[in-house]
Amino acid sequence: MGSDTVIYLGREAVITILLVASPILGSSLLIGLIISFFQATTHLQEQTLTFVPKIIGVLVVVVLFGSWMINVMLSYISNLFINLNSFIK
């Protein structure tokens, strides 16, 4: 296996990870910013206030985008297994 193959596999793995993780991370970031803005305007500095909305938001995103995330991961894995002979040589 040459260095080009290793770089290709690494790049595809990173792209797949970013695609799968971005909806969850984005929603968590957006909810955290909204809660922080709310805490700053009301001077309510409760640390545990951010956890429950983030957990609910992440669960909603997983329900909404879960099938798409699984399809992205399955296409990467199937591409990896289909081309396994060309990677090993």
N, C-alpha and C. Protein backbone atom coordinates (compact mmCIF):
# COMPACT_ATOMS: atom_id res chain seq x y z
N MET A 1 0.85 -1.16 0.00
CA MET A 1 0.00 0.00 0.00
C MET A 1 0.90 1.23 0.00
N GLY A 2 0.68 2.09 -0.97
CA GLY A 2 1.51 3.27 -1.11
C GLY A 2 1.01 4.42 -0.25
N SER A 3 1.82 5.47 -0.25
CA SER A 3 1.45 6.62 0.57
C SER A 3 0.22 7.34 0.02
N ASP A 4 0.02 7.28 -1.30
CA ASP A 4 -1.17 7.90 -1.88
C ASP A 4 -2.45 7.23 -1.38
N THR A 5 -2.41 5.92 -1.25
CA THR A 5 -3.57 5.18 -0.77
C THR A 5 -3.86 5.52 0.69
N VAL A 6 -2.81 5.60 1.49
CA VAL A 6 -2.99 5.94 2.91
C VAL A 6 -3.56 7.35 3.06
N ILE A 7 -3.05 8.28 2.27
CA ILE A 7 -3.55 9.65 2.32
C ILE A 7 -5.01 9.70 1.87
N TYR A 8 -5.34 8.96 0.82
CA TYR A 8 -6.73 8.90 0.34
C TYR A 8 -7.66 8.35 1.42
N LEU A 9 -7.27 7.24 2.05
CA LEU A 9 -8.10 6.64 3.09
C LEU A 9 -8.26 7.57 4.28
N GLY A 10 -7.19 8.23 4.67
CA GLY A 10 -7.25 9.17 5.78
C GLY A 10 -8.14 10.36 5.47
N ARG A 11 -8.01 10.89 4.24
CA ARG A 11 -8.84 12.03 3.85
C ARG A 11 -10.31 11.66 3.83
N GLU A 12 -10.63 10.50 3.27
CA GLU A 12 -12.03 10.06 3.23
C GLU A 12 -12.58 9.81 4.64
N ALA A 13 -11.74 9.29 5.53
CA ALA A 13 -12.19 9.06 6.91
C ALA A 13 -12.47 10.38 7.61
N VAL A 14 -11.60 11.36 7.44
CA VAL A 14 -11.80 12.66 8.08
C VAL A 14 -13.03 13.36 7.52
N ILE A 15 -13.23 13.30 6.22
CA ILE A 15 -14.42 13.90 5.61
C ILE A 15 -15.69 13.24 6.13
N THR A 16 -15.68 11.93 6.26
CA THR A 16 -16.84 11.21 6.78
C THR A 16 -17.12 11.59 8.23
N ILE A 17 -16.07 11.68 9.03
CA ILE A 17 -16.24 12.06 10.44
C ILE A 17 -16.81 13.47 10.55
N LEU A 18 -16.29 14.39 9.74
CA LEU A 18 -16.80 15.76 9.78
C LEU A 18 -18.25 15.84 9.33
N LEU A 19 -18.61 15.09 8.30
CA LEU A 19 -19.99 15.08 7.84
C LEU A 19 -20.95 14.53 8.89
N VAL A 20 -20.55 13.48 9.55
CA VAL A 20 -21.42 12.83 10.53
C VAL A 20 -21.52 13.66 11.82
N ALA A 21 -20.42 14.27 12.23
CA ALA A 21 -20.41 14.99 13.50
C ALA A 21 -20.92 16.42 13.39
N SER A 22 -20.92 17.00 12.21
CA SER A 22 -21.25 18.42 12.09
C SER A 22 -22.69 18.78 12.50
N PRO A 23 -23.72 17.99 12.20
CA PRO A 23 -25.04 18.38 12.69
C PRO A 23 -25.14 18.38 14.22
N ILE A 24 -24.53 17.40 14.85
CA ILE A 24 -24.58 17.32 16.31
C ILE A 24 -23.80 18.46 16.93
N LEU A 25 -22.58 18.69 16.45
CA LEU A 25 -21.75 19.76 17.00
C LEU A 25 -22.35 21.13 16.72
N GLY A 26 -22.91 21.31 15.53
CA GLY A 26 -23.51 22.59 15.18
C GLY A 26 -24.71 22.92 16.05
N SER A 27 -25.57 21.94 16.27
CA SER A 27 -26.74 22.19 17.12
C SER A 27 -26.32 22.46 18.56
N SER A 28 -25.35 21.72 19.04
CA SER A 28 -24.86 21.94 20.40
C SER A 28 -24.24 23.33 20.55
N LEU A 29 -23.50 23.76 19.53
CA LEU A 29 -22.90 25.09 19.56
C LEU A 29 -23.96 26.17 19.53
N LEU A 30 -24.95 26.02 18.67
CA LEU A 30 -26.01 27.01 18.55
C LEU A 30 -26.83 27.10 19.84
N ILE A 31 -27.16 25.98 20.42
CA ILE A 31 -27.91 25.98 21.68
C ILE A 31 -27.08 26.59 22.80
N GLY A 32 -25.79 26.27 22.83
CA GLY A 32 -24.91 26.86 23.84
C GLY A 32 -24.81 28.37 23.72
N LEU A 33 -24.74 28.88 22.48
CA LEU A 33 -24.69 30.32 22.28
C LEU A 33 -25.98 31.00 22.72
N ILE A 34 -27.11 30.37 22.40
CA ILE A 34 -28.40 30.94 22.80
C ILE A 34 -28.52 30.96 24.33
N ILE A 35 -28.15 29.88 24.98
CA ILE A 35 -28.22 29.81 26.44
C ILE A 35 -27.25 30.81 27.07
N SER A 36 -26.06 30.96 26.51
CA SER A 36 -25.09 31.93 27.03
C SER A 36 -25.60 33.35 26.89
N PHE A 37 -26.23 33.65 25.75
CA PHE A 37 -26.81 34.98 25.57
C PHE A 37 -27.92 35.22 26.58
N PHE A 38 -28.75 34.21 26.80
CA PHE A 38 -29.82 34.32 27.79
C PHE A 38 -29.26 34.53 29.19
N GLN A 39 -28.21 33.80 29.54
CA GLN A 39 -27.60 33.95 30.86
C GLN A 39 -26.94 35.32 31.02
N ALA A 40 -26.36 35.84 29.96
CA ALA A 40 -25.71 37.14 30.04
C ALA A 40 -26.73 38.26 30.18
N THR A 41 -27.87 38.12 29.52
CA THR A 41 -28.87 39.19 29.61
C THR A 41 -29.64 39.16 30.92
N THR A 42 -29.82 37.99 31.51
CA THR A 42 -30.60 37.89 32.74
C THR A 42 -29.73 37.81 33.99
N HIS A 43 -28.42 37.77 33.83
CA HIS A 43 -27.47 37.63 34.95
C HIS A 43 -27.72 36.36 35.75
N LEU A 44 -28.27 35.37 35.11
CA LEU A 44 -28.51 34.07 35.73
C LEU A 44 -27.33 33.18 35.38
N GLN A 45 -26.45 32.93 36.33
CA GLN A 45 -25.22 32.20 36.05
C GLN A 45 -25.26 30.78 36.63
N GLU A 46 -26.25 30.04 36.25
CA GLU A 46 -26.38 28.64 36.67
C GLU A 46 -25.65 27.76 35.66
N GLN A 47 -24.67 27.00 36.09
CA GLN A 47 -23.85 26.19 35.19
C GLN A 47 -24.61 25.00 34.61
N THR A 48 -25.55 24.47 35.37
CA THR A 48 -26.27 23.29 34.90
C THR A 48 -27.39 23.63 33.92
N LEU A 49 -27.65 24.91 33.70
CA LEU A 49 -28.73 25.32 32.81
C LEU A 49 -28.46 24.93 31.36
N THR A 50 -27.21 24.80 30.97
CA THR A 50 -26.90 24.51 29.56
C THR A 50 -27.02 23.04 29.22
N PHE A 51 -26.93 22.15 30.19
CA PHE A 51 -26.85 20.73 29.88
C PHE A 51 -28.16 20.15 29.34
N VAL A 52 -29.27 20.45 29.98
CA VAL A 52 -30.54 19.86 29.57
C VAL A 52 -30.96 20.30 28.17
N PRO A 53 -30.90 21.61 27.81
CA PRO A 53 -31.25 21.97 26.44
C PRO A 53 -30.30 21.38 25.40
N LYS A 54 -29.01 21.27 25.73
CA LYS A 54 -28.07 20.66 24.78
C LYS A 54 -28.37 19.19 24.57
N ILE A 55 -28.69 18.48 25.64
CA ILE A 55 -29.00 17.06 25.51
C ILE A 55 -30.26 16.87 24.67
N ILE A 56 -31.28 17.68 24.94
CA ILE A 56 -32.52 17.59 24.16
C ILE A 56 -32.26 17.94 22.71
N GLY A 57 -31.47 18.99 22.46
CA GLY A 57 -31.15 19.39 21.09
C GLY A 57 -30.38 18.33 20.34
N VAL A 58 -29.42 17.70 21.01
CA VAL A 58 -28.64 16.64 20.36
C VAL A 58 -29.53 15.44 20.06
N LEU A 59 -30.42 15.09 20.96
CA LEU A 59 -31.34 13.97 20.70
C LEU A 59 -32.26 14.27 19.53
N VAL A 60 -32.74 15.50 19.44
CA VAL A 60 -33.59 15.88 18.30
C VAL A 60 -32.82 15.80 17.00
N VAL A 61 -31.57 16.27 17.00
CA VAL A 61 -30.75 16.21 15.79
C VAL A 61 -30.46 14.77 15.39
N VAL A 62 -30.20 13.92 16.37
CA VAL A 62 -29.94 12.50 16.05
C VAL A 62 -31.19 11.85 15.47
N VAL A 63 -32.35 12.20 16.00
CA VAL A 63 -33.59 11.64 15.44
C VAL A 63 -33.81 12.15 14.02
N LEU A 64 -33.57 13.44 13.79
CA LEU A 64 -33.81 14.02 12.47
C LEU A 64 -32.78 13.59 11.44
N PHE A 65 -31.50 13.57 11.81
CA PHE A 65 -30.43 13.29 10.86
C PHE A 65 -29.81 11.90 11.03
N GLY A 66 -30.37 11.07 11.89
CA GLY A 66 -29.78 9.76 12.17
C GLY A 66 -29.68 8.86 10.96
N SER A 67 -30.73 8.81 10.17
CA SER A 67 -30.69 7.93 9.00
C SER A 67 -29.69 8.44 7.97
N TRP A 68 -29.58 9.76 7.83
CA TRP A 68 -28.58 10.32 6.91
C TRP A 68 -27.17 10.02 7.40
N MET A 69 -26.93 10.13 8.71
CA MET A 69 -25.61 9.83 9.27
C MET A 69 -25.23 8.37 9.04
N ILE A 70 -26.20 7.49 9.24
CA ILE A 70 -25.93 6.06 9.03
C ILE A 70 -25.64 5.80 7.55
N ASN A 71 -26.37 6.45 6.66
CA ASN A 71 -26.12 6.25 5.22
C ASN A 71 -24.73 6.75 4.82
N VAL A 72 -24.29 7.87 5.38
CA VAL A 72 -22.94 8.37 5.08
C VAL A 72 -21.88 7.38 5.57
N MET A 73 -22.05 6.88 6.80
CA MET A 73 -21.08 5.91 7.33
C MET A 73 -21.10 4.60 6.55
N LEU A 74 -22.30 4.14 6.17
CA LEU A 74 -22.39 2.90 5.41
C LEU A 74 -21.79 3.03 4.01
N SER A 75 -21.95 4.20 3.39
CA SER A 75 -21.34 4.37 2.07
C SER A 75 -19.82 4.40 2.17
N TYR A 76 -19.28 4.99 3.23
CA TYR A 76 -17.82 4.98 3.42
C TYR A 76 -17.32 3.55 3.66
N ILE A 77 -18.02 2.82 4.51
CA ILE A 77 -17.58 1.46 4.83
C ILE A 77 -17.73 0.55 3.62
N SER A 78 -18.82 0.68 2.88
CA SER A 78 -18.99 -0.17 1.70
C SER A 78 -17.95 0.16 0.63
N ASN A 79 -17.62 1.44 0.46
CA ASN A 79 -16.55 1.84 -0.46
C ASN A 79 -15.22 1.26 -0.01
N LEU A 80 -14.99 1.24 1.30
CA LEU A 80 -13.75 0.68 1.83
C LEU A 80 -13.66 -0.82 1.56
N PHE A 81 -14.75 -1.56 1.79
CA PHE A 81 -14.74 -2.99 1.58
C PHE A 81 -14.73 -3.38 0.10
N ILE A 82 -15.42 -2.59 -0.72
CA ILE A 82 -15.42 -2.88 -2.16
C ILE A 82 -14.03 -2.73 -2.76
N ASN A 83 -13.30 -1.72 -2.32
CA ASN A 83 -11.98 -1.44 -2.87
C ASN A 83 -10.85 -2.04 -2.03
N LEU A 84 -11.17 -2.98 -1.16
CA LEU A 84 -10.15 -3.56 -0.29
C LEU A 84 -9.05 -4.26 -1.07
N ASN A 85 -9.39 -4.95 -2.15
CA ASN A 85 -8.37 -5.63 -2.94
C ASN A 85 -7.38 -4.64 -3.57
N SER A 86 -7.87 -3.51 -4.02
CA SER A 86 -6.97 -2.53 -4.63
C SER A 86 -6.10 -1.84 -3.58
N PHE A 87 -6.56 -1.78 -2.33
CA PHE A 87 -5.75 -1.17 -1.28
C PHE A 87 -4.62 -2.10 -0.85
N ILE A 88 -4.90 -3.39 -0.81
CA ILE A 88 -3.91 -4.36 -0.33
C ILE A 88 -2.91 -4.71 -1.41
N LYS A 89 -3.38 -4.97 -2.60
CA LYS A 89 -2.58 -5.42 -3.76
C LYS A 89 -1.81 -6.64 -3.39
